[in-house]
PDB file of N, CA and C in Angstrom:
ATOM      1  N   MET A   1      34.461  -8.100 -16.472  1.00  0.00           N
ATOM      2  CA  MET A   1      34.361  -7.429 -15.203  1.00  0.00           C
ATOM      3  C   MET A   1      32.919  -6.933 -15.004  1.00  0.00           C
ATOM      4  N   ILE A   2      32.393  -7.164 -13.844  1.00  0.00           N
ATOM      5  CA  ILE A   2      31.032  -6.735 -13.512  1.00  0.00           C
ATOM      6  C   ILE A   2      31.089  -5.340 -12.897  1.00  0.00           C
ATOM      7  N   THR A   3      30.321  -4.421 -13.459  1.00  0.00           N
ATOM      8  CA  THR A   3      30.258  -3.076 -12.913  1.00  0.00           C
ATOM      9  C   THR A   3      29.249  -3.027 -11.792  1.00  0.00           C
ATOM     10  N   LYS A   4      29.566  -2.264 -10.759  1.00  0.00           N
ATOM     11  CA  LYS A   4      28.645  -2.107  -9.636  1.00  0.00           C
ATOM     12  C   LYS A   4      27.596  -1.070 -10.016  1.00  0.00           C
ATOM     13  N   ARG A   5      26.337  -1.413  -9.767  1.00  0.00           N
ATOM     14  CA  ARG A   5      25.240  -0.562 -10.171  1.00  0.00           C
ATOM     15  C   ARG A   5      24.310  -0.324  -8.989  1.00  0.00           C
ATOM     16  N   GLN A   6      23.544   0.756  -9.090  1.00  0.00           N
ATOM     17  CA  GLN A   6      22.595   1.114  -8.042  1.00  0.00           C
ATOM     18  C   GLN A   6      21.315   1.603  -8.712  1.00  0.00           C
ATOM     19  N   GLY A   7      20.189   1.285  -8.099  1.00  0.00           N
ATOM     20  CA  GLY A   7      18.908   1.639  -8.667  1.00  0.00           C
ATOM     21  C   GLY A   7      18.390   2.993  -8.171  1.00  0.00           C
ATOM     22  N   ILE A   8      17.632   3.648  -9.012  1.00  0.00           N
ATOM     23  CA  ILE A   8      16.948   4.911  -8.671  1.00  0.00           C
ATOM     24  C   ILE A   8      15.491   4.732  -9.058  1.00  0.00           C
ATOM     25  N   ILE A   9      14.613   5.044  -8.121  1.00  0.00           N
ATOM     26  CA  ILE A   9      13.172   5.027  -8.422  1.00  0.00           C
ATOM     27  C   ILE A   9      12.768   6.480  -8.691  1.00  0.00           C
ATOM     28  N   VAL A  10      12.247   6.737  -9.880  1.00  0.00           N
ATOM     29  CA  VAL A  10      11.904   8.077 -10.318  1.00  0.00           C
ATOM     30  C   VAL A  10      10.393   8.183 -10.442  1.00  0.00           C
ATOM     31  N   TRP A  11       9.813   9.125  -9.715  1.00  0.00           N
ATOM     32  CA  TRP A  11       8.395   9.406  -9.787  1.00  0.00           C
ATOM     33  C   TRP A  11       8.192  10.595 -10.704  1.00  0.00           C
ATOM     34  N   PHE A  12       7.197  10.527 -11.610  1.00  0.00           N
ATOM     35  CA  PHE A  12       6.992  11.593 -12.575  1.00  0.00           C
ATOM     36  C   PHE A  12       5.493  11.902 -12.705  1.00  0.00           C
ATOM     37  N   HIS A  13       5.180  13.027 -13.414  1.00  0.00           N
ATOM     38  CA  HIS A  13       3.818  13.480 -13.550  1.00  0.00           C
ATOM     39  C   HIS A  13       3.048  12.752 -14.624  1.00  0.00           C
ATOM     40  N   GLN A  14       3.643  12.608 -15.817  1.00  0.00           N
ATOM     41  CA  GLN A  14       2.953  12.031 -16.941  1.00  0.00           C
ATOM     42  C   GLN A  14       3.790  10.932 -17.604  1.00  0.00           C
ATOM     43  N   MET A  15       3.119   9.984 -18.237  1.00  0.00           N
ATOM     44  CA  MET A  15       3.780   8.857 -18.867  1.00  0.00           C
ATOM     45  C   MET A  15       4.557   9.253 -20.132  1.00  0.00           C
ATOM     46  N   LYS A  16       4.259  10.378 -20.723  1.00  0.00           N
ATOM     47  CA  LYS A  16       4.952  10.769 -21.940  1.00  0.00           C
ATOM     48  C   LYS A  16       6.417  11.110 -21.718  1.00  0.00           C
ATOM     49  N   HIS A  17       6.833  11.282 -20.475  1.00  0.00           N
ATOM     50  CA  HIS A  17       8.201  11.607 -20.164  1.00  0.00           C
ATOM     51  C   HIS A  17       9.096  10.399 -19.961  1.00  0.00           C
ATOM     52  N   VAL A  18       8.540   9.210 -20.058  1.00  0.00           N
ATOM     53  CA  VAL A  18       9.308   7.974 -19.832  1.00  0.00           C
ATOM     54  C   VAL A  18      10.422   7.826 -20.838  1.00  0.00           C
ATOM     55  N   LYS A  19      10.182   8.143 -22.093  1.00  0.00           N
ATOM     56  CA  LYS A  19      11.224   7.978 -23.090  1.00  0.00           C
ATOM     57  C   LYS A  19      12.383   8.927 -22.876  1.00  0.00           C
ATOM     58  N   HIS A  20      12.178  10.044 -22.194  1.00  0.00           N
ATOM     59  CA  HIS A  20      13.281  10.951 -21.870  1.00  0.00           C
ATOM     60  C   HIS A  20      14.136  10.410 -20.730  1.00  0.00           C
ATOM     61  N   LEU A  21      13.564   9.592 -19.870  1.00  0.00           N
ATOM     62  CA  LEU A  21      14.307   9.040 -18.726  1.00  0.00           C
ATOM     63  C   LEU A  21      15.254   7.931 -19.161  1.00  0.00           C
ATOM     64  N   LYS A  22      15.042   7.329 -20.325  1.00  0.00           N
ATOM     65  CA  LYS A  22      15.874   6.222 -20.768  1.00  0.00           C
ATOM     66  C   LYS A  22      17.320   6.640 -20.997  1.00  0.00           C
ATOM     67  N   ARG A  23      17.586   7.879 -21.233  1.00  0.00           N
ATOM     68  CA  ARG A  23      18.979   8.312 -21.471  1.00  0.00           C
ATOM     69  C   ARG A  23      19.816   8.418 -20.217  1.00  0.00           C
ATOM     70  N   TYR A  24      19.187   8.347 -19.036  1.00  0.00           N
ATOM     71  CA  TYR A  24      19.902   8.483 -17.807  1.00  0.00           C
ATOM     72  C   TYR A  24      20.430   7.144 -17.252  1.00  0.00           C
ATOM     73  N   GLY A  25      19.922   6.035 -17.726  1.00  0.00           N
ATOM     74  CA  GLY A  25      20.379   4.754 -17.279  1.00  0.00           C
ATOM     75  C   GLY A  25      19.590   3.624 -17.923  1.00  0.00           C
ATOM     76  N   HIS A  26      19.784   2.397 -17.398  1.00  0.00           N
ATOM     77  CA  HIS A  26      19.097   1.234 -17.920  1.00  0.00           C
ATOM     78  C   HIS A  26      17.748   1.088 -17.245  1.00  0.00           C
ATOM     79  N   MET A  27      16.688   1.311 -17.983  1.00  0.00           N
ATOM     80  CA  MET A  27      15.340   1.266 -17.403  1.00  0.00           C
ATOM     81  C   MET A  27      14.874  -0.187 -17.270  1.00  0.00           C
ATOM     82  N   ILE A  28      14.481  -0.566 -16.055  1.00  0.00           N
ATOM     83  CA  ILE A  28      14.075  -1.928 -15.763  1.00  0.00           C
ATOM     84  C   ILE A  28      12.548  -2.066 -15.766  1.00  0.00           C
ATOM     85  N   HIS A  29      11.868  -1.171 -15.098  1.00  0.00           N
ATOM     86  CA  HIS A  29      10.430  -1.315 -14.897  1.00  0.00           C
ATOM     87  C   HIS A  29       9.757   0.076 -14.938  1.00  0.00           C
ATOM     88  N   VAL A  30       8.553   0.121 -15.494  1.00  0.00           N
ATOM     89  CA  VAL A  30       7.746   1.351 -15.515  1.00  0.00           C
ATOM     90  C   VAL A  30       6.325   0.968 -15.075  1.00  0.00           C
ATOM     91  N   SER A  31       5.795   1.709 -14.124  1.00  0.00           N
ATOM     92  CA  SER A  31       4.446   1.494 -13.667  1.00  0.00           C
ATOM     93  C   SER A  31       3.553   2.631 -14.212  1.00  0.00           C
ATOM     94  N   LYS A  32       2.584   2.249 -15.029  1.00  0.00           N
ATOM     95  CA  LYS A  32       1.691   3.237 -15.612  1.00  0.00           C
ATOM     96  C   LYS A  32       0.695   3.762 -14.577  1.00  0.00           C
ATOM     97  N   LYS A  33       0.252   2.883 -13.701  1.00  0.00           N
ATOM     98  CA  LYS A  33      -0.753   3.249 -12.710  1.00  0.00           C
ATOM     99  C   LYS A  33      -0.178   4.201 -11.656  1.00  0.00           C
ATOM    100  N   LEU A  34       0.998   3.852 -11.123  1.00  0.00           N
ATOM    101  CA  LEU A  34       1.594   4.654 -10.049  1.00  0.00           C
ATOM    102  C   LEU A  34       2.552   5.713 -10.555  1.00  0.00           C
ATOM    103  N   LYS A  35       2.870   5.709 -11.839  1.00  0.00           N
ATOM    104  CA  LYS A  35       3.731   6.702 -12.496  1.00  0.00           C
ATOM    105  C   LYS A  35       5.110   6.774 -11.889  1.00  0.00           C
ATOM    106  N   TYR A  36       5.809   5.661 -11.905  1.00  0.00           N
ATOM    107  CA  TYR A  36       7.209   5.653 -11.499  1.00  0.00           C
ATOM    108  C   TYR A  36       8.004   4.712 -12.418  1.00  0.00           C
ATOM    109  N   ALA A  37       9.300   4.916 -12.433  1.00  0.00           N
ATOM    110  CA  ALA A  37      10.184   4.079 -13.226  1.00  0.00           C
ATOM    111  C   ALA A  37      11.373   3.670 -12.394  1.00  0.00           C
ATOM    112  N   MET A  38      11.891   2.460 -12.645  1.00  0.00           N
ATOM    113  CA  MET A  38      13.081   1.942 -11.953  1.00  0.00           C
ATOM    114  C   MET A  38      14.220   1.985 -12.935  1.00  0.00           C
ATOM    115  N   ILE A  39      15.278   2.720 -12.581  1.00  0.00           N
ATOM    116  CA  ILE A  39      16.412   2.918 -13.476  1.00  0.00           C
ATOM    117  C   ILE A  39      17.671   2.458 -12.736  1.00  0.00           C
ATOM    118  N   TYR A  40      18.536   1.674 -13.423  1.00  0.00           N
ATOM    119  CA  TYR A  40      19.811   1.290 -12.861  1.00  0.00           C
ATOM    120  C   TYR A  40      20.931   2.125 -13.489  1.00  0.00           C
ATOM    121  N   VAL A  41      21.854   2.591 -12.629  1.00  0.00           N
ATOM    122  CA  VAL A  41      22.942   3.463 -13.042  1.00  0.00           C
ATOM    123  C   VAL A  41      24.235   2.921 -12.440  1.00  0.00           C
ATOM    124  N   ASP A  42      25.368   3.103 -13.124  1.00  0.00           N
ATOM    125  CA  ASP A  42      26.651   2.739 -12.547  1.00  0.00           C
ATOM    126  C   ASP A  42      26.894   3.560 -11.287  1.00  0.00           C
ATOM    127  N   GLN A  43      27.495   2.944 -10.269  1.00  0.00           N
ATOM    128  CA  GLN A  43      27.703   3.626  -9.005  1.00  0.00           C
ATOM    129  C   GLN A  43      28.713   4.793  -9.147  1.00  0.00           C
ATOM    130  N   GLU A  44      29.592   4.722 -10.107  1.00  0.00           N
ATOM    131  CA  GLU A  44      30.543   5.817 -10.312  1.00  0.00           C
ATOM    132  C   GLU A  44      29.828   7.101 -10.770  1.00  0.00           C
ATOM    133  N   ARG A  45      28.761   6.946 -11.549  1.00  0.00           N
ATOM    134  CA  ARG A  45      28.036   8.097 -12.055  1.00  0.00           C
ATOM    135  C   ARG A  45      26.750   8.366 -11.302  1.00  0.00           C
ATOM    136  N   PHE A  46      26.532   7.720 -10.176  1.00  0.00           N
ATOM    137  CA  PHE A  46      25.264   7.775  -9.475  1.00  0.00           C
ATOM    138  C   PHE A  46      24.949   9.198  -8.999  1.00  0.00           C
ATOM    139  N   ASP A  47      25.894   9.878  -8.368  1.00  0.00           N
ATOM    140  CA  ASP A  47      25.626  11.184  -7.766  1.00  0.00           C
ATOM    141  C   ASP A  47      25.240  12.205  -8.854  1.00  0.00           C
ATOM    142  N   ASP A  48      25.977  12.206  -9.954  1.00  0.00           N
ATOM    143  CA  ASP A  48      25.671  13.171 -11.033  1.00  0.00           C
ATOM    144  C   ASP A  48      24.300  12.890 -11.644  1.00  0.00           C
ATOM    145  N   THR A  49      23.989  11.613 -11.851  1.00  0.00           N
ATOM    146  CA  THR A  49      22.715  11.259 -12.453  1.00  0.00           C
ATOM    147  C   THR A  49      21.551  11.582 -11.518  1.00  0.00           C
ATOM    148  N   TYR A  50      21.730  11.306 -10.241  1.00  0.00           N
ATOM    149  CA  TYR A  50      20.693  11.565  -9.253  1.00  0.00           C
ATOM    150  C   TYR A  50      20.371  13.052  -9.163  1.00  0.00           C
ATOM    151  N   GLU A  51      21.404  13.893  -9.134  1.00  0.00           N
ATOM    152  CA  GLU A  51      21.200  15.322  -9.077  1.00  0.00           C
ATOM    153  C   GLU A  51      20.529  15.858 -10.357  1.00  0.00           C
ATOM    154  N   SER A  52      20.928  15.329 -11.499  1.00  0.00           N
ATOM    155  CA  SER A  52      20.317  15.809 -12.739  1.00  0.00           C
ATOM    156  C   SER A  52      18.878  15.357 -12.852  1.00  0.00           C
ATOM    157  N   LEU A  53      18.518  14.209 -12.321  1.00  0.00           N
ATOM    158  CA  LEU A  53      17.124  13.756 -12.349  1.00  0.00           C
ATOM    159  C   LEU A  53      16.238  14.646 -11.437  1.00  0.00           C
ATOM    160  N   LEU A  54      16.792  15.070 -10.331  1.00  0.00           N
ATOM    161  CA  LEU A  54      16.011  15.940  -9.416  1.00  0.00           C
ATOM    162  C   LEU A  54      15.764  17.306 -10.019  1.00  0.00           C
ATOM    163  N   LYS A  55      16.609  17.757 -10.923  1.00  0.00           N
ATOM    164  CA  LYS A  55      16.462  19.068 -11.526  1.00  0.00           C
ATOM    165  C   LYS A  55      15.424  19.102 -12.666  1.00  0.00           C
ATOM    166  N   LEU A  56      15.022  17.933 -13.152  1.00  0.00           N
ATOM    167  CA  LEU A  56      14.048  17.888 -14.249  1.00  0.00           C
ATOM    168  C   LEU A  56      12.676  18.335 -13.783  1.00  0.00           C
ATOM    169  N   SER A  57      11.978  19.091 -14.640  1.00  0.00           N
ATOM    170  CA  SER A  57      10.688  19.679 -14.261  1.00  0.00           C
ATOM    171  C   SER A  57       9.584  18.628 -14.129  1.00  0.00           C
ATOM    172  N   TYR A  58       9.663  17.552 -14.894  1.00  0.00           N
ATOM    173  CA  TYR A  58       8.589  16.562 -14.854  1.00  0.00           C
ATOM    174  C   TYR A  58       8.798  15.466 -13.819  1.00  0.00           C
ATOM    175  N   VAL A  59       9.881  15.526 -13.056  1.00  0.00           N
ATOM    176  CA  VAL A  59      10.160  14.505 -12.019  1.00  0.00           C
ATOM    177  C   VAL A  59       9.605  15.048 -10.701  1.00  0.00           C
ATOM    178  N   THR A  60       8.751  14.257 -10.088  1.00  0.00           N
ATOM    179  CA  THR A  60       8.177  14.611  -8.779  1.00  0.00           C
ATOM    180  C   THR A  60       9.209  14.400  -7.679  1.00  0.00           C
ATOM    181  N   LYS A  61       9.760  13.172  -7.615  1.00  0.00           N
ATOM    182  CA  LYS A  61      10.827  12.869  -6.671  1.00  0.00           C
ATOM    183  C   LYS A  61      11.629  11.678  -7.164  1.00  0.00           C
ATOM    184  N   ALA A  62      12.802  11.516  -6.598  1.00  0.00           N
ATOM    185  CA  ALA A  62      13.671  10.388  -6.943  1.00  0.00           C
ATOM    186  C   ALA A  62      14.199   9.800  -5.650  1.00  0.00           C
ATOM    187  N   GLU A  63      14.158   8.448  -5.564  1.00  0.00           N
ATOM    188  CA  GLU A  63      14.634   7.757  -4.357  1.00  0.00           C
ATOM    189  C   GLU A  63      15.744   6.777  -4.752  1.00  0.00           C
ATOM    190  N   PRO A  64      16.866   6.842  -4.033  1.00  0.00           N
ATOM    191  CA  PRO A  64      17.929   5.860  -4.319  1.00  0.00           C
ATOM    192  C   PRO A  64      17.616   4.495  -3.706  1.00  0.00           C
ATOM    193  N   SER A  65      18.105   3.459  -4.313  1.00  0.00           N
ATOM    194  CA  SER A  65      17.965   2.094  -3.770  1.00  0.00           C
ATOM    195  C   SER A  65      19.173   1.819  -2.868  1.00  0.00           C
ATOM    196  N   TYR A  66      18.917   1.245  -1.715  1.00  0.00           N
ATOM    197  CA  TYR A  66      19.989   0.970  -0.783  1.00  0.00           C
ATOM    198  C   TYR A  66      20.443  -0.480  -0.814  1.00  0.00           C
ATOM    199  N   LYS A  67      20.021  -1.232  -1.812  1.00  0.00           N
ATOM    200  CA  LYS A  67      20.355  -2.645  -1.901  1.00  0.00           C
ATOM    201  C   LYS A  67      21.845  -2.932  -1.954  1.00  0.00           C
ATOM    202  N   PRO A  68      22.698  -2.153  -2.625  1.00  0.00           N
ATOM    203  CA  PRO A  68      24.132  -2.483  -2.633  1.00  0.00           C
ATOM    204  C   PRO A  68      24.789  -2.357  -1.273  1.00  0.00           C
ATOM    205  N   PHE A  69      24.168  -1.634  -0.348  1.00  0.00           N
ATOM    206  CA  PHE A  69      24.775  -1.382   0.948  1.00  0.00           C
ATOM    207  C   PHE A  69      24.259  -2.303   2.061  1.00  0.00           C
ATOM    208  N   ILE A  70      23.306  -3.164   1.731  1.00  0.00           N
ATOM    209  CA  ILE A  70      22.735  -4.087   2.714  1.00  0.00           C
ATOM    210  C   ILE A  70      23.600  -5.359   2.768  1.00  0.00           C
ATOM    211  N   LYS A  71      23.856  -5.809   3.969  1.00  0.00           N
ATOM    212  CA  LYS A  71      24.661  -7.009   4.153  1.00  0.00           C
ATOM    213  C   LYS A  71      23.818  -8.239   3.747  1.00  0.00           C
ATOM    214  N   THR A  72      24.325  -9.047   2.845  1.00  0.00           N
ATOM    215  CA  THR A  72      23.571 -10.212   2.359  1.00  0.00           C
ATOM    216  C   THR A  72      24.268 -11.521   2.718  1.00  0.00           C
ATOM    217  N   ASP A  73      25.289 -11.496   3.558  1.00  0.00           N
ATOM    218  CA  ASP A  73      25.934 -12.708   4.015  1.00  0.00           C
ATOM    219  C   ASP A  73      25.262 -13.121   5.317  1.00  0.00           C
ATOM    220  N   PHE A  74      24.575 -14.255   5.287  1.00  0.00           N
ATOM    221  CA  PHE A  74      23.812 -14.698   6.448  1.00  0.00           C
ATOM    222  C   PHE A  74      24.550 -15.856   7.111  1.00  0.00           C
ATOM    223  N   GLU A  75      24.356 -15.977   8.428  1.00  0.00           N
ATOM    224  CA  GLU A  75      24.939 -17.052   9.193  1.00  0.00           C
ATOM    225  C   GLU A  75      24.027 -18.262   9.140  1.00  0.00           C
ATOM    226  N   SER A  76      24.605 -19.432   9.354  1.00  0.00           N
ATOM    227  CA  SER A  76      23.788 -20.644   9.356  1.00  0.00           C
ATOM    228  C   SER A  76      22.941 -20.693  10.614  1.00  0.00           C
ATOM    229  N   LYS A  77      21.823 -21.357  10.535  1.00  0.00           N
ATOM    230  CA  LYS A  77      20.893 -21.472  11.650  1.00  0.00           C
ATOM    231  C   LYS A  77      21.398 -22.516  12.626  1.00  0.00           C
ATOM    232  N   VAL A  78      21.479 -22.141  13.880  1.00  0.00           N
ATOM    233  CA  VAL A  78      21.908 -23.073  14.923  1.00  0.00           C
ATOM    234  C   VAL A  78      20.660 -23.703  15.526  1.00  0.00           C
ATOM    235  N   VAL A  79      20.583 -25.017  15.521  1.00  0.00           N
ATOM    236  CA  VAL A  79      19.413 -25.754  15.997  1.00  0.00           C
ATOM    237  C   VAL A  79      19.760 -26.400  17.320  1.00  0.00           C
ATOM    238  N   ASP A  80      18.893 -26.191  18.332  1.00  0.00           N
ATOM    239  CA  ASP A  80      19.059 -26.814  19.625  1.00  0.00           C
ATOM    240  C   ASP A  80      18.346 -28.173  19.546  1.00  0.00           C
ATOM    241  N   LYS A  81      19.065 -29.252  19.806  1.00  0.00           N
ATOM    242  CA  LYS A  81      18.534 -30.621  19.648  1.00  0.00           C
ATOM    243  C   LYS A  81      17.357 -30.895  20.607  1.00  0.00           C
ATOM    244  N   GLU A  82      17.398 -30.384  21.837  1.00  0.00           N
ATOM    245  CA  GLU A  82      16.334 -30.660  22.812  1.00  0.00           C
ATOM    246  C   GLU A  82      15.044 -29.969  22.386  1.00  0.00           C
ATOM    247  N   LYS A  83      15.114 -28.735  21.936  1.00  0.00           N
ATOM    248  CA  LYS A  83      13.915 -28.016  21.508  1.00  0.00           C
ATOM    249  C   LYS A  83      13.351 -28.586  20.217  1.00  0.00           C
ATOM    250  N   GLU A  84      14.235 -29.139  19.395  1.00  0.00           N
ATOM    251  CA  GLU A  84      13.753 -29.737  18.149  1.00  0.00           C
ATOM    252  C   GLU A  84      12.892 -30.955  18.433  1.00  0.00           C
ATOM    253  N   LYS A  85      13.257 -31.765  19.407  1.00  0.00           N
ATOM    254  CA  LYS A  85      12.468 -32.956  19.750  1.00  0.00           C
ATOM    255  C   LYS A  85      11.154 -32.551  20.405  1.00  0.00           C
ATOM    256  N   GLU A  86      11.159 -31.473  21.188  1.00  0.00           N
ATOM    257  CA  GLU A  86       9.980 -31.018  21.891  1.00  0.00           C
ATOM    258  C   GLU A  86       8.909 -30.570  20.883  1.00  0.00           C
ATOM    259  N   TYR A  87       9.282 -29.938  19.817  1.00  0.00           N
ATOM    260  CA  TYR A  87       8.318 -29.423  18.853  1.00  0.00           C
ATOM    261  C   TYR A  87       8.255 -30.264  17.577  1.00  0.00           C
ATOM    262  N   ASP A  88       8.626 -31.509  17.635  1.00  0.00           N
ATOM    263  CA  ASP A  88       8.580 -32.368  16.481  1.00  0.00           C
ATOM    264  C   ASP A  88       7.170 -32.922  16.339  1.00  0.00           C
ATOM    265  N   TYR A  89       6.429 -32.409  15.366  1.00  0.00           N
ATOM    266  CA  TYR A  89       5.019 -32.799  15.178  1.00  0.00           C
ATOM    267  C   TYR A  89       4.851 -34.057  14.352  1.00  0.00           C
ATOM    268  N   LYS A  90       5.916 -34.601  13.784  1.00  0.00           N
ATOM    269  CA  LYS A  90       5.816 -35.774  12.966  1.00  0.00           C
ATOM    270  C   LYS A  90       5.953 -37.084  13.774  1.00  0.00           C
ATOM    271  N   MET A  91       5.994 -36.981  15.073  1.00  0.00           N
ATOM    272  CA  MET A  91       6.155 -38.150  15.939  1.00  0.00           C
ATOM    273  C   MET A  91       4.901 -39.018  15.893  1.00  0.00           C
ATOM    274  N   GLY A  92       5.088 -40.304  15.670  1.00  0.00           N
ATOM    275  CA  GLY A  92       3.991 -41.255  15.724  1.00  0.00           C
ATOM    276  C   GLY A  92       3.144 -41.274  14.469  1.00  0.00           C
ATOM    277  N   ILE A  93       3.562 -40.620  13.447  1.00  0.00           N
ATOM    278  CA  ILE A  93       2.768 -40.638  12.207  1.00  0.00           C
ATOM    279  C   ILE A  93       3.413 -41.566  11.189  1.00  0.00           C
TER     280      ILE A  93
END
């Protein structure tokens, strides 16, 4: 069974606090230059983890990822035959 997960982007003051953030979820990426980390957490525990991250003294801010809530089912492209012939640049080549 696949568990539903959601990402949290955590901004912090210093890089030495990165190893403390690992206990809150699965750490995917850390940027040394911009001082942020990407952490994935189960959606069932998301609210508790998010609130506890905001309470930490070394965390500047935390932003949730909205990817699980975005619709990713796209419709097929409908092509108009007359307009396709009008803009066909491969004609005569």
